[in-house]
Protein backbone atom coordinates (compact mmCIF):
# COMPACT_ATOMS: atom_id res chain seq x y z
CA UNK A 1 -5.20 1.90 0.32
CA UNK A 2 -8.45 0.70 1.18
CA UNK A 3 -12.29 -0.97 1.30
CA UNK A 4 -12.86 -2.48 4.93
CA UNK A 5 -16.21 -4.43 6.23
CA UNK A 6 -17.07 -6.52 3.09
CA UNK A 7 -13.92 -7.48 2.07
CA UNK A 8 -13.32 -8.59 5.88
CA UNK A 9 -16.51 -10.86 5.88
CA UNK A 10 -14.98 -12.40 2.46
CA UNK A 11 -11.68 -12.74 3.65
CA UNK A 12 -12.81 -14.59 6.82
CA UNK A 13 -14.98 -16.57 4.44
CA UNK A 14 -12.56 -17.83 2.21
CA UNK A 15 -9.44 -18.25 4.65
CA UNK A 16 -11.93 -20.87 6.59
CA UNK A 17 -13.24 -22.31 3.68
CA UNK A 18 -9.80 -23.32 2.66
CA UNK A 19 -9.19 -24.40 6.20
CA UNK A 20 -12.17 -26.81 6.21
CA UNK A 21 -11.73 -28.00 2.76
CA UNK A 22 -8.13 -29.16 3.80
CA UNK A 23 -9.07 -30.79 6.87
CA UNK A 24 -12.03 -32.42 5.41
CA UNK A 25 -9.79 -34.04 2.39
CA UNK A 26 -7.87 -36.05 5.12
CA UNK A 27 -6.57 -36.36 8.68
CA UNK A 28 -4.89 -33.77 10.98
CA UNK A 29 -1.94 -34.23 8.81
CA UNK A 30 -3.70 -32.25 5.60
CA UNK A 31 -5.09 -29.16 8.23
CA UNK A 32 -1.62 -28.74 9.28
CA UNK A 33 -0.20 -28.52 5.56
CA UNK A 34 -3.27 -26.87 4.59
CA UNK A 35 -2.34 -23.88 7.30
CA UNK A 36 1.45 -23.58 6.27
CA UNK A 37 -0.27 -22.51 3.20
CA UNK A 38 -0.72 -19.49 4.43
CA UNK A 39 1.79 -16.63 5.88
CA UNK A 40 1.74 -13.45 8.09
CA UNK A 41 3.85 -10.63 7.77
CA UNK A 42 3.89 -7.02 9.64
CA UNK A 43 5.47 -3.54 9.36
CA UNK A 44 5.94 -0.98 11.49
CA UNK A 45 7.78 2.57 10.59
CA UNK A 46 7.82 5.84 12.08
CA UNK A 47 8.42 8.85 9.46
CA UNK A 48 8.98 12.29 9.72
CA UNK A 49 6.02 13.25 7.66
CA UNK A 50 3.23 10.86 5.98
CA UNK A 51 3.21 12.02 2.34
CA UNK A 52 -0.24 10.18 0.15
CA UNK A 53 0.76 10.81 -3.28
CA UNK A 54 3.30 13.79 -2.48
CA UNK A 55 0.17 15.37 -0.31
CA UNK A 56 1.37 15.68 3.44
CA UNK A 57 -2.06 14.25 5.63
CA UNK A 58 0.07 14.86 8.97
CA UNK A 59 0.28 18.56 8.43
CA UNK A 60 3.96 17.75 7.76
CA UNK A 61 4.05 16.08 11.29
CA UNK A 62 5.73 12.85 12.35
CA UNK A 63 3.51 9.92 11.76
CA UNK A 64 3.14 6.20 13.25
CA UNK A 65 2.68 3.85 10.60
CA UNK A 66 1.98 0.19 10.78
CA UNK A 67 0.11 -3.22 9.27
CA UNK A 68 -0.32 -6.83 8.82
CA UNK A 69 -0.65 -9.07 5.90
CA UNK A 70 -2.24 -12.84 5.45
CA UNK A 71 -1.04 -13.98 2.50
CA UNK A 72 -2.04 -17.47 0.61
CA UNK A 73 0.62 -19.33 -1.78
CA UNK A 74 -2.15 -19.54 -4.34
CA UNK A 75 -1.65 -15.60 -4.58
CA UNK A 76 -4.51 -14.38 -2.34
CA UNK A 77 -3.83 -11.49 0.10
CA UNK A 78 -5.66 -9.84 2.96
CA UNK A 79 -4.17 -6.85 4.94
CA UNK A 80 -5.06 -3.55 7.07
CA UNK A 81 -2.43 -0.63 7.25
CA UNK A 82 -2.95 2.65 9.34
CA UNK A 83 -1.23 6.11 9.91
CA UNK A 84 -1.95 8.79 12.24
CA UNK A 85 -2.97 12.06 10.53
CA UNK A 86 -3.62 15.56 11.25
CA UNK A 87 -7.23 15.74 12.19
CA UNK A 88 -9.57 14.73 9.48
CA UNK A 89 -13.24 15.07 10.74
CA UNK A 90 -12.95 14.14 14.20
CA UNK A 91 -10.57 11.53 12.85
CA UNK A 92 -6.88 10.93 13.98
CA UNK A 93 -5.97 7.63 12.43
CA UNK A 94 -6.46 6.25 9.06
CA UNK A 95 -6.98 2.61 8.69
CA UNK A 96 -7.15 0.81 5.25
CA UNK A 97 -8.12 -2.29 4.52
CA UNK A 98 -7.23 -4.38 1.18
CA UNK A 99 -7.40 -7.30 -0.27
CA UNK A 100 -5.90 -8.62 -3.74
CA UNK A 101 -4.37 -11.18 -5.56
CA UNK A 102 -0.69 -11.22 -6.98
CA UNK A 103 1.51 -13.25 -9.60
CA UNK A 104 4.15 -14.02 -11.60
CA UNK A 105 3.48 -13.80 -15.43
CA UNK A 106 6.92 -14.84 -16.89
CA UNK A 107 9.57 -12.47 -15.88
CA UNK A 108 6.54 -9.88 -15.13
CA UNK A 109 4.87 -9.60 -11.42
CA UNK A 110 1.14 -8.77 -11.95
CA UNK A 111 -1.30 -7.58 -8.59
CA UNK A 112 -4.59 -6.63 -8.50
CA UNK A 113 -6.94 -5.77 -6.04
CA UNK A 114 -9.58 -3.45 -4.04
CA UNK A 115 -8.78 -1.64 -1.07
CA UNK A 116 -10.96 0.79 0.86
CA UNK A 117 -10.03 4.01 3.12
CA UNK A 118 -11.68 4.28 6.60
CA UNK A 119 -11.14 6.90 9.10
CA UNK A 120 -12.45 6.05 12.69
CA UNK A 121 -14.30 8.36 14.95
CA UNK A 122 -15.80 10.16 11.42
CA UNK A 123 -18.90 9.68 9.60
CA UNK A 124 -19.43 9.34 5.66
CA UNK A 125 -15.49 9.74 5.14
CA UNK A 126 -14.40 6.37 4.05
CA UNK A 127 -14.28 5.27 -0.04
CA UNK A 128 -13.42 2.60 -1.99
CA UNK A 129 -10.51 2.51 -4.71
CA UNK A 130 -9.43 -0.28 -7.08
CA UNK A 131 -5.97 -0.81 -8.56
CA UNK A 132 -3.26 -2.77 -10.16
CA UNK A 133 0.10 -3.13 -11.00
CA UNK A 134 2.73 -4.76 -13.37
CA UNK A 135 6.45 -5.09 -12.58
CA UNK A 136 9.29 -6.12 -13.68
CA UNK A 137 13.43 -6.11 -13.77
CA UNK A 138 15.95 -4.46 -16.29
CA UNK A 139 18.95 -5.64 -16.46
CA UNK A 140 18.49 -8.23 -13.00
CA UNK A 141 19.27 -4.80 -11.31
CA UNK A 142 17.03 -1.87 -12.41
CA UNK A 143 13.08 -2.64 -10.64
CA UNK A 144 10.00 -1.37 -12.03
CA UNK A 145 6.80 -0.82 -11.35
CA UNK A 146 3.81 0.95 -13.37
CA UNK A 147 0.31 1.04 -11.97
CA UNK A 148 -2.91 2.72 -11.53
CA UNK A 149 -5.96 3.36 -8.87
CA UNK A 150 -9.14 4.11 -9.32
CA UNK A 151 -12.07 5.49 -7.17
CA UNK A 152 -15.72 5.08 -8.96
CA UNK A 153 -17.85 8.16 -8.36
CA UNK A 154 -18.93 7.56 -4.59
CA UNK A 155 -20.89 10.31 -2.22
CA UNK A 156 -18.01 10.72 0.13
CA UNK A 157 -15.53 11.63 -2.77
CA UNK A 158 -18.14 14.55 -3.89
CA UNK A 159 -19.98 11.71 -6.29
CA UNK A 160 -17.11 11.58 -9.01
CA UNK A 161 -14.53 9.54 -9.59
CA UNK A 162 -10.53 9.72 -9.94
CA UNK A 163 -7.27 8.36 -11.70
CA UNK A 164 -3.62 8.22 -10.49
CA UNK A 165 -1.47 6.57 -13.15
CA UNK A 166 2.34 6.13 -11.50
CA UNK A 167 5.83 4.51 -12.71
CA UNK A 168 8.57 3.60 -9.68
CA UNK A 169 11.97 2.11 -10.03
CA UNK A 170 14.45 1.42 -7.84
CA UNK A 171 18.16 0.07 -8.16
CA UNK A 172 20.68 -0.90 -5.49
CA UNK A 173 23.61 1.22 -5.24
CA UNK A 174 26.48 -1.23 -6.59
CA UNK A 175 27.39 -3.81 -3.29
CA UNK A 176 26.17 -1.76 -0.94
CA UNK A 177 22.86 -2.13 1.38
CA UNK A 178 22.28 1.18 -0.33
CA UNK A 179 19.82 1.61 -2.78
CA UNK A 180 18.18 4.60 -5.24
CA UNK A 181 14.60 5.03 -5.74
CA UNK A 182 11.96 7.12 -7.81
CA UNK A 183 9.02 7.99 -8.28
CA UNK A 184 6.22 9.70 -10.90
CA UNK A 185 2.77 9.93 -11.23
CA UNK A 186 -0.08 11.62 -12.23
CA UNK A 187 -3.76 12.22 -11.05
CA UNK A 188 -7.26 13.52 -12.25
CA UNK A 189 -10.09 13.59 -10.45
CA UNK A 190 -11.71 14.11 -7.42
CA UNK A 191 -8.38 14.48 -5.45
CA UNK A 192 -6.54 15.77 -8.36
CA UNK A 193 -7.14 18.27 -11.25
CA UNK A 194 -4.30 17.97 -13.56
CA UNK A 195 -1.90 16.68 -10.16
CA UNK A 196 1.75 15.07 -10.69
CA UNK A 197 3.68 14.30 -8.32
CA UNK A 198 7.48 12.79 -7.85
CA UNK A 199 9.83 11.60 -5.38
CA UNK A 200 13.61 10.48 -5.36
CA UNK A 201 15.28 9.28 -2.19
CA UNK A 202 18.17 6.94 -0.93
CA UNK A 203 17.35 3.93 1.36
CA UNK A 204 20.21 2.15 3.41
CA UNK A 205 18.50 -1.85 4.70
CA UNK A 206 20.14 -3.70 7.28
CA UNK A 207 18.68 -6.85 9.21
CA UNK A 208 14.99 -6.22 8.81
CA UNK A 209 15.03 -2.42 9.66
CA UNK A 210 15.43 0.05 6.51
CA UNK A 211 16.22 3.91 6.66
CA UNK A 212 15.17 6.58 4.22
CA UNK A 213 14.90 9.66 3.25
CA UNK A 214 13.39 11.17 0.23
CA UNK A 215 13.06 14.78 -1.84
CA UNK A 216 9.26 14.71 -2.32
CA UNK A 217 7.34 17.31 -4.73
CA UNK A 218 3.98 18.15 -6.54
CA UNK A 219 2.51 20.91 -8.54
CA UNK A 220 0.47 21.61 -5.95
CA UNK A 221 1.11 24.40 -3.62
CA UNK A 222 0.24 23.71 0.86
CA UNK A 223 -0.22 20.44 1.72
CA UNK A 224 1.68 19.78 -1.68
CA UNK A 225 5.00 21.57 -1.44
CA UNK A 226 8.23 20.81 -1.67
CA UNK A 227 10.10 18.61 1.14
CA UNK A 228 12.06 16.22 2.79
CA UNK A 229 11.18 12.95 4.54
CA UNK A 230 13.02 10.54 6.62
CA UNK A 231 11.91 7.64 8.13
CA UNK A 232 13.37 4.35 9.87
CA UNK A 233 11.03 0.92 8.94
CA UNK A 234 10.93 -2.78 9.98
CA UNK A 235 9.33 -5.92 8.81
CA UNK A 236 8.82 -9.14 10.08
């Protein structure tokens, strides 16, 4: 997901201002309480193919991925995520930087934010995307998320815009540690012309790890042709 430098600055200012405000209101105990309002999480994964919206960005080879997030109890968060990719404009790394706000409205979970896609080692390739989603559960078992991502016309995406709409769903398989997940999406603009992508997969969770395998396909040939993707991931 995308945007970088100016988001990083905003994030640093936000974190610093919050911590300083907590320290100014009361003695050391309050500063400690303020710091505890933040949480750090990280993730790492090894996948047989890096599929982004159905398309292989690793030329259908193995990819290493990982990232971390800093979140505040208010719902604001910042983070970064990266993946190895097939060489692109001299870069073999996708590095995403993002910031957003997640909240709960009744039984619905919402998330909005901005993200920068960058490719270290290349030039004139980064671009920025806005995203938003809403999700919930059906009968306390089926989880769903509907969302959209929008790239406005920017020089590095050919001076045109792009819209990506998706629907995700998942459900546990009985009382087992297995779960079933599905995804369908539509894209049109700079990165796709009436493009569809979909996948269906099964995952197995144990402790902080997860094993997964999924069938991925699109209506695009070549890097979007059907394939099976397996992976192992860990969350910390």
